[in-house]
PDB file of N, CA and C in Angstrom:
ATOM      1  N   MET A   1     -17.720  -8.824-117.156  1.00  0.00           N
ATOM      2  CA  MET A   1     -16.764 -10.182-117.114  1.00  0.00           C
ATOM      3  C   MET A   1     -16.829 -11.356-115.779  1.00  0.00           C
ATOM      4  N   ILE A   2     -17.294 -12.067-116.116  1.00  0.00           N
ATOM      5  CA  ILE A   2     -17.618 -12.760-114.759  1.00  0.00           C
ATOM      6  C   ILE A   2     -15.905 -13.529-114.046  1.00  0.00           C
ATOM      7  N   ALA A   3     -15.754 -13.448-112.917  1.00  0.00           N
ATOM      8  CA  ALA A   3     -14.575 -14.417-112.243  1.00  0.00           C
ATOM      9  C   ALA A   3     -14.584 -15.520-112.444  1.00  0.00           C
ATOM     10  N   GLU A   4     -13.656 -16.639-113.171  1.00  0.00           N
ATOM     11  CA  GLU A   4     -13.344 -17.440-112.933  1.00  0.00           C
ATOM     12  C   GLU A   4     -12.916 -18.183-111.822  1.00  0.00           C
ATOM     13  N   ARG A   5     -13.067 -19.242-111.319  1.00  0.00           N
ATOM     14  CA  ARG A   5     -12.410 -20.096-110.098  1.00  0.00           C
ATOM     15  C   ARG A   5     -10.868 -20.412-110.555  1.00  0.00           C
ATOM     16  N   PRO A   6      -9.957 -19.976-110.267  1.00  0.00           N
ATOM     17  CA  PRO A   6      -8.663 -20.687-110.045  1.00  0.00           C
ATOM     18  C   PRO A   6      -9.032 -21.960-110.650  1.00  0.00           C
ATOM     19  N   ARG A   7      -7.927 -22.352-111.614  1.00  0.00           N
ATOM     20  CA  ARG A   7      -7.489 -23.656-112.134  1.00  0.00           C
ATOM     21  C   ARG A   7      -6.495 -24.588-111.257  1.00  0.00           C
ATOM     22  N   THR A   8      -7.681 -25.717-110.870  1.00  0.00           N
ATOM     23  CA  THR A   8      -6.469 -26.639-109.378  1.00  0.00           C
ATOM     24  C   THR A   8      -5.493 -27.506-110.487  1.00  0.00           C
ATOM     25  N   ALA A   9      -5.537 -27.939-111.640  1.00  0.00           N
ATOM     26  CA  ALA A   9      -4.925 -29.060-112.484  1.00  0.00           C
ATOM     27  C   ALA A   9      -3.166 -29.152-111.862  1.00  0.00           C
ATOM     28  N   LEU A  10      -2.869 -28.489-111.081  1.00  0.00           N
ATOM     29  CA  LEU A  10      -1.625 -28.525-110.564  1.00  0.00           C
ATOM     30  C   LEU A  10      -1.573 -29.736-109.626  1.00  0.00           C
ATOM     31  N   TYR A  11      -2.863 -29.305-108.902  1.00  0.00           N
ATOM     32  CA  TYR A  11      -2.773 -30.124-107.288  1.00  0.00           C
ATOM     33  C   TYR A  11      -3.824 -30.870-106.908  1.00  0.00           C
ATOM     34  N   ASP A  12      -3.865 -31.737-106.460  1.00  0.00           N
ATOM     35  CA  ASP A  12      -4.828 -32.681-106.279  1.00  0.00           C
ATOM     36  C   ASP A  12      -5.447 -31.897-105.318  1.00  0.00           C
ATOM     37  N   ALA A  13      -7.010 -31.680-105.738  1.00  0.00           N
ATOM     38  CA  ALA A  13      -7.683 -31.148-104.925  1.00  0.00           C
ATOM     39  C   ALA A  13      -9.161 -32.007-104.689  1.00  0.00           C
ATOM     40  N   ARG A  14      -8.702 -33.324-104.090  1.00  0.00           N
ATOM     41  CA  ARG A  14      -9.289 -33.898-103.541  1.00  0.00           C
ATOM     42  C   ARG A  14      -9.908 -33.551-101.918  1.00  0.00           C
ATOM     43  N   HIS A  15     -11.062 -33.958-101.617  1.00  0.00           N
ATOM     44  CA  HIS A  15     -11.294 -33.082-100.574  1.00  0.00           C
ATOM     45  C   HIS A  15     -10.567 -34.146 -99.559  1.00  0.00           C
ATOM     46  N   GLY A  16     -10.313 -32.626 -98.005  1.00  0.00           N
ATOM     47  CA  GLY A  16      -9.167 -33.087 -97.341  1.00  0.00           C
ATOM     48  C   GLY A  16      -7.983 -32.929 -97.342  1.00  0.00           C
ATOM     49  N   GLY A  17      -7.148 -32.739 -98.772  1.00  0.00           N
ATOM     50  CA  GLY A  17      -5.690 -32.978 -99.248  1.00  0.00           C
ATOM     51  C   GLY A  17      -5.438 -31.722 -99.094  1.00  0.00           C
ATOM     52  N   PRO A  18      -4.121 -31.319 -98.938  1.00  0.00           N
ATOM     53  CA  PRO A  18      -3.317 -29.782 -98.989  1.00  0.00           C
ATOM     54  C   PRO A  18      -4.143 -28.717 -99.536  1.00  0.00           C
ATOM     55  N   TYR A  19      -4.659 -29.410-100.957  1.00  0.00           N
ATOM     56  CA  TYR A  19      -5.210 -27.759-101.702  1.00  0.00           C
ATOM     57  C   TYR A  19      -6.530 -27.575-100.997  1.00  0.00           C
ATOM     58  N   ASP A  20      -7.323 -28.431-100.415  1.00  0.00           N
ATOM     59  CA  ASP A  20      -8.511 -28.529-100.334  1.00  0.00           C
ATOM     60  C   ASP A  20      -8.367 -27.677 -98.948  1.00  0.00           C
ATOM     61  N   ARG A  21      -7.541 -28.418 -97.944  1.00  0.00           N
ATOM     62  CA  ARG A  21      -7.816 -27.160 -97.048  1.00  0.00           C
ATOM     63  C   ARG A  21      -7.268 -26.276 -96.855  1.00  0.00           C
ATOM     64  N   GLY A  22      -6.219 -25.764 -97.863  1.00  0.00           N
ATOM     65  CA  GLY A  22      -5.902 -24.710 -97.961  1.00  0.00           C
ATOM     66  C   GLY A  22      -7.251 -23.375 -98.538  1.00  0.00           C
ATOM     67  N   SER A  23      -8.174 -23.865 -99.377  1.00  0.00           N
ATOM     68  CA  SER A  23      -8.969 -23.464 -99.514  1.00  0.00           C
ATOM     69  C   SER A  23      -9.793 -23.144 -98.666  1.00  0.00           C
ATOM     70  N   ALA A  24     -10.304 -24.259 -97.795  1.00  0.00           N
ATOM     71  CA  ALA A  24     -11.511 -23.866 -96.904  1.00  0.00           C
ATOM     72  C   ALA A  24     -11.215 -23.229 -96.035  1.00  0.00           C
ATOM     73  N   ASP A  25      -9.259 -22.844 -95.474  1.00  0.00           N
ATOM     74  CA  ASP A  25      -9.863 -22.278 -94.207  1.00  0.00           C
ATOM     75  C   ASP A  25      -9.706 -20.963 -94.977  1.00  0.00           C
ATOM     76  N   SER A  26      -9.391 -20.577 -96.190  1.00  0.00           N
ATOM     77  CA  SER A  26      -9.327 -19.112 -96.641  1.00  0.00           C
ATOM     78  C   SER A  26     -10.903 -18.274 -97.008  1.00  0.00           C
ATOM     79  N   TYR A  27     -11.508 -19.613 -97.333  1.00  0.00           N
ATOM     80  CA  TYR A  27     -13.333 -19.662 -97.499  1.00  0.00           C
ATOM     81  C   TYR A  27     -13.833 -19.049 -95.969  1.00  0.00           C
ATOM     82  N   TYR A  28     -13.321 -19.778 -94.424  1.00  0.00           N
ATOM     83  CA  TYR A  28     -14.100 -19.570 -94.089  1.00  0.00           C
ATOM     84  C   TYR A  28     -13.204 -18.764 -92.860  1.00  0.00           C
ATOM     85  N   SER A  29     -12.694 -17.987 -92.939  1.00  0.00           N
ATOM     86  CA  SER A  29     -11.279 -16.961 -92.307  1.00  0.00           C
ATOM     87  C   SER A  29     -10.924 -17.114 -91.450  1.00  0.00           C
ATOM     88  N   ARG A  30     -10.324 -18.790 -91.442  1.00  0.00           N
ATOM     89  CA  ARG A  30      -9.681 -19.494 -90.204  1.00  0.00           C
ATOM     90  C   ARG A  30      -8.227 -18.955 -90.179  1.00  0.00           C
ATOM     91  N   GLY A  31      -7.839 -18.354 -91.536  1.00  0.00           N
ATOM     92  CA  GLY A  31      -6.219 -18.442 -91.672  1.00  0.00           C
ATOM     93  C   GLY A  31      -5.462 -19.321 -91.657  1.00  0.00           C
ATOM     94  N   TYR A  32      -4.016 -18.927 -92.039  1.00  0.00           N
ATOM     95  CA  TYR A  32      -2.814 -19.700 -93.387  1.00  0.00           C
ATOM     96  C   TYR A  32      -2.316 -20.621 -91.399  1.00  0.00           C
ATOM     97  N   GLN A  33      -3.015 -21.940 -92.304  1.00  0.00           N
ATOM     98  CA  GLN A  33      -2.250 -22.899 -90.818  1.00  0.00           C
ATOM     99  C   GLN A  33      -2.188 -24.093 -91.438  1.00  0.00           C
ATOM    100  N   PRO A  34      -0.996 -24.474 -92.461  1.00  0.00           N
ATOM    101  CA  PRO A  34      -0.907 -25.592 -93.095  1.00  0.00           C
ATOM    102  C   PRO A  34      -1.187 -27.124 -92.503  1.00  0.00           C
ATOM    103  N   HIS A  35      -1.922 -27.335 -92.771  1.00  0.00           N
ATOM    104  CA  HIS A  35      -2.424 -29.207 -92.863  1.00  0.00           C
ATOM    105  C   HIS A  35      -3.206 -29.695 -93.605  1.00  0.00           C
ATOM    106  N   TYR A  36      -3.302 -31.194 -93.843  1.00  0.00           N
ATOM    107  CA  TYR A  36      -4.091 -32.104 -94.251  1.00  0.00           C
ATOM    108  C   TYR A  36      -4.892 -33.151 -93.480  1.00  0.00           C
ATOM    109  N   PHE A  37      -5.852 -33.795 -94.004  1.00  0.00           N
ATOM    110  CA  PHE A  37      -6.556 -35.159 -93.644  1.00  0.00           C
ATOM    111  C   PHE A  37      -5.756 -36.181 -94.837  1.00  0.00           C
ATOM    112  N   GLU A  38      -5.190 -37.536 -94.243  1.00  0.00           N
ATOM    113  CA  GLU A  38      -4.908 -38.154 -95.063  1.00  0.00           C
ATOM    114  C   GLU A  38      -6.068 -38.977 -95.477  1.00  0.00           C
ATOM    115  N   GLY A  39      -7.019 -38.712 -95.080  1.00  0.00           N
ATOM    116  CA  GLY A  39      -8.254 -39.258 -95.809  1.00  0.00           C
ATOM    117  C   GLY A  39      -9.944 -38.453 -95.733  1.00  0.00           C
ATOM    118  N   ALA A  40     -10.473 -38.759 -94.899  1.00  0.00           N
ATOM    119  CA  ALA A  40     -11.509 -37.926 -95.150  1.00  0.00           C
ATOM    120  C   ALA A  40     -11.445 -37.000 -93.817  1.00  0.00           C
ATOM    121  N   THR A  41     -12.033 -35.770 -94.381  1.00  0.00           N
ATOM    122  CA  THR A  41     -11.695 -34.527 -93.830  1.00  0.00           C
ATOM    123  C   THR A  41     -12.267 -34.530 -91.988  1.00  0.00           C
ATOM    124  N   SER A  42     -11.008 -34.732 -91.030  1.00  0.00           N
ATOM    125  CA  SER A  42     -11.697 -34.088 -89.285  1.00  0.00           C
ATOM    126  C   SER A  42     -11.826 -35.903 -88.941  1.00  0.00           C
ATOM    127  N   ILE A  43     -11.913 -37.260 -89.622  1.00  0.00           N
ATOM    128  CA  ILE A  43     -12.561 -38.008 -89.484  1.00  0.00           C
ATOM    129  C   ILE A  43     -11.697 -39.490 -89.485  1.00  0.00           C
ATOM    130  N   THR A  44     -10.416 -38.716 -90.132  1.00  0.00           N
ATOM    131  CA  THR A  44      -9.051 -39.388 -90.371  1.00  0.00           C
ATOM    132  C   THR A  44      -8.038 -38.482 -89.908  1.00  0.00           C
ATOM    133  N   PRO A  45      -6.757 -39.399 -89.481  1.00  0.00           N
ATOM    134  CA  PRO A  45      -5.599 -38.660 -88.913  1.00  0.00           C
ATOM    135  C   PRO A  45      -5.251 -36.837 -89.535  1.00  0.00           C
ATOM    136  N   ARG A  46      -5.337 -36.079 -88.530  1.00  0.00           N
ATOM    137  CA  ARG A  46      -4.669 -34.791 -89.648  1.00  0.00           C
ATOM    138  C   ARG A  46      -2.906 -34.581 -89.301  1.00  0.00           C
ATOM    139  N   VAL A  47      -2.553 -34.407 -90.361  1.00  0.00           N
ATOM    140  CA  VAL A  47      -1.040 -33.960 -90.605  1.00  0.00           C
ATOM    141  C   VAL A  47      -1.034 -32.331 -90.327  1.00  0.00           C
ATOM    142  N   GLU A  48      -0.108 -31.929 -90.070  1.00  0.00           N
ATOM    143  CA  GLU A  48       0.109 -30.627 -89.335  1.00  0.00           C
ATOM    144  C   GLU A  48       1.672 -30.422 -90.082  1.00  0.00           C
ATOM    145  N   MET A  49       1.597 -29.098 -90.175  1.00  0.00           N
ATOM    146  CA  MET A  49       2.745 -28.416 -91.372  1.00  0.00           C
ATOM    147  C   MET A  49       4.281 -28.837 -91.002  1.00  0.00           C
ATOM    148  N   ALA A  50       4.322 -29.483 -89.778  1.00  0.00           N
ATOM    149  CA  ALA A  50       5.583 -29.791 -89.252  1.00  0.00           C
ATOM    150  C   ALA A  50       5.945 -31.647 -89.905  1.00  0.00           C
ATOM    151  N   ASP A  51       4.764 -32.014 -90.280  1.00  0.00           N
ATOM    152  CA  ASP A  51       4.983 -32.946 -90.818  1.00  0.00           C
ATOM    153  C   ASP A  51       4.702 -33.540 -92.207  1.00  0.00           C
ATOM    154  N   MET A  52       4.538 -32.273 -92.721  1.00  0.00           N
ATOM    155  CA  MET A  52       4.049 -32.237 -94.212  1.00  0.00           C
ATOM    156  C   MET A  52       5.574 -32.205 -94.959  1.00  0.00           C
ATOM    157  N   THR A  53       5.445 -32.385 -96.483  1.00  0.00           N
ATOM    158  CA  THR A  53       6.245 -32.158 -97.682  1.00  0.00           C
ATOM    159  C   THR A  53       6.165 -30.753 -97.730  1.00  0.00           C
ATOM    160  N   ALA A  54       7.553 -30.321 -98.648  1.00  0.00           N
ATOM    161  CA  ALA A  54       7.324 -28.851 -99.223  1.00  0.00           C
ATOM    162  C   ALA A  54       6.426 -28.829-100.033  1.00  0.00           C
ATOM    163  N   ALA A  55       5.745 -30.335-100.926  1.00  0.00           N
ATOM    164  CA  ALA A  55       5.400 -30.039-102.213  1.00  0.00           C
ATOM    165  C   ALA A  55       3.767 -30.079-101.327  1.00  0.00           C
ATOM    166  N   GLU A  56       3.329 -30.792-100.370  1.00  0.00           N
ATOM    167  CA  GLU A  56       2.426 -30.559 -99.759  1.00  0.00           C
ATOM    168  C   GLU A  56       1.684 -29.113 -98.881  1.00  0.00           C
ATOM    169  N   ILE A  57       2.890 -28.774 -98.755  1.00  0.00           N
ATOM    170  CA  ILE A  57       3.017 -26.890 -97.998  1.00  0.00           C
ATOM    171  C   ILE A  57       2.758 -25.943 -99.643  1.00  0.00           C
ATOM    172  N   THR A  58       3.210 -26.036-100.479  1.00  0.00           N
ATOM    173  CA  THR A  58       3.257 -25.737-101.562  1.00  0.00           C
ATOM    174  C   THR A  58       1.488 -25.829-102.330  1.00  0.00           C
ATOM    175  N   ALA A  59       0.988 -26.972-102.007  1.00  0.00           N
ATOM    176  CA  ALA A  59       0.119 -26.969-102.469  1.00  0.00           C
ATOM    177  C   ALA A  59      -1.458 -26.685-101.511  1.00  0.00           C
ATOM    178  N   TYR A  60      -1.033 -26.468-100.385  1.00  0.00           N
ATOM    179  CA  TYR A  60      -2.124 -25.448 -99.204  1.00  0.00           C
ATOM    180  C   TYR A  60      -1.780 -24.525 -99.499  1.00  0.00           C
ATOM    181  N   THR A  61      -0.573 -23.650 -99.391  1.00  0.00           N
ATOM    182  CA  THR A  61      -0.510 -22.438 -99.726  1.00  0.00           C
ATOM    183  C   THR A  61      -1.157 -21.941-101.498  1.00  0.00           C
ATOM    184  N   ALA A  62      -1.165 -22.685-102.043  1.00  0.00           N
ATOM    185  CA  ALA A  62      -1.931 -22.514-103.318  1.00  0.00           C
ATOM    186  C   ALA A  62      -3.212 -22.706-103.253  1.00  0.00           C
ATOM    187  N   GLY A  63      -3.983 -23.705-102.672  1.00  0.00           N
ATOM    188  CA  GLY A  63      -5.160 -23.354-101.897  1.00  0.00           C
ATOM    189  C   GLY A  63      -5.425 -22.042-101.297  1.00  0.00           C
ATOM    190  N   PHE A  64      -5.178 -22.064-100.382  1.00  0.00           N
ATOM    191  CA  PHE A  64      -5.520 -20.566 -99.631  1.00  0.00           C
ATOM    192  C   PHE A  64      -5.317 -19.513-100.697  1.00  0.00           C
ATOM    193  N   ASN A  65      -4.357 -19.311-101.562  1.00  0.00           N
ATOM    194  CA  ASN A  65      -3.921 -17.895-102.146  1.00  0.00           C
ATOM    195  C   ASN A  65      -4.755 -17.867-103.316  1.00  0.00           C
ATOM    196  N   ASP A  66      -5.373 -19.052-103.799  1.00  0.00           N
ATOM    197  CA  ASP A  66      -6.316 -19.169-105.077  1.00  0.00           C
ATOM    198  C   ASP A  66      -7.904 -18.392-104.887  1.00  0.00           C
ATOM    199  N   ASN A  67      -7.979 -19.489-103.131  1.00  0.00           N
ATOM    200  CA  ASN A  67      -9.357 -18.511-102.382  1.00  0.00           C
ATOM    201  C   ASN A  67      -9.386 -16.960-102.325  1.00  0.00           C
ATOM    202  N   GLU A  68      -8.191 -16.672-101.805  1.00  0.00           N
ATOM    203  CA  GLU A  68      -7.903 -15.529-101.328  1.00  0.00           C
ATOM    204  C   GLU A  68      -8.091 -14.430-102.826  1.00  0.00           C
ATOM    205  N   SER A  69      -7.082 -14.844-103.522  1.00  0.00           N
ATOM    206  CA  SER A  69      -7.371 -13.841-104.767  1.00  0.00           C
ATOM    207  C   SER A  69      -9.046 -14.002-105.269  1.00  0.00           C
ATOM    208  N   PHE A  70      -9.439 -15.015-105.286  1.00  0.00           N
ATOM    209  CA  PHE A  70     -10.355 -15.007-106.249  1.00  0.00           C
ATOM    210  C   PHE A  70     -11.748 -14.186-105.446  1.00  0.00           C
ATOM    211  N   GLY A  71     -11.502 -14.638-103.812  1.00  0.00           N
ATOM    212  CA  GLY A  71     -12.477 -13.577-102.703  1.00  0.00           C
ATOM    213  C   GLY A  71     -13.660 -13.933-102.638  1.00  0.00           C
ATOM    214  N   ASP A  72     -13.728 -15.551-102.354  1.00  0.00           N
ATOM    215  CA  ASP A  72     -15.261 -16.493-101.972  1.00  0.00           C
ATOM    216  C   ASP A  72     -15.062 -17.018-100.425  1.00  0.00           C
ATOM    217  N   LYS A  73     -15.315 -15.960 -99.617  1.00  0.00           N
ATOM    218  CA  LYS A  73     -15.735 -15.882 -98.467  1.00  0.00           C
ATOM    219  C   LYS A  73     -17.178 -16.513 -97.835  1.00  0.00           C
ATOM    220  N   LYS A  74     -17.105 -17.126 -96.693  1.00  0.00           N
ATOM    221  CA  LYS A  74     -18.334 -17.529 -96.214  1.00  0.00           C
ATOM    222  C   LYS A  74     -19.050 -16.348 -95.753  1.00  0.00           C
ATOM    223  N   ASP A  75     -20.290 -16.275 -95.940  1.00  0.00           N
ATOM    224  CA  ASP A  75     -21.032 -14.776 -95.605  1.00  0.00           C
ATOM    225  C   ASP A  75     -21.467 -15.549 -94.262  1.00  0.00           C
ATOM    226  N   TRP A  76     -21.028 -14.923 -92.969  1.00  0.00           N
ATOM    227  CA  TRP A  76     -21.916 -15.741 -91.968  1.00  0.00           C
ATOM    228  C   TRP A  76     -23.180 -14.730 -91.260  1.00  0.00           C
ATOM    229  N   GLY A  77     -23.578 -13.626 -92.218  1.00  0.00           N
ATOM    230  CA  GLY A  77     -24.613 -12.861 -91.770  1.00  0.00           C
ATOM    231  C   GLY A  77     -25.878 -13.769 -91.770  1.00  0.00           C
TER     232      GLY A  77
END
């Protein structure tokens, strides 16, 4: 049986959003550090955890945990 990617229906998966950033941090093995970007990644203001809502932190955590569960990691080799 082939593993399926987790479903993101409960969260906005836009590039730069909390779910996307959590997933990316897990993928690149950067560790858990909730944040997101207001718009496009790295060229719009970054929102840090202290300024995130509970729902945004939950979305980041879900993205991080979903990717951890799936086991998709960047191969640096």
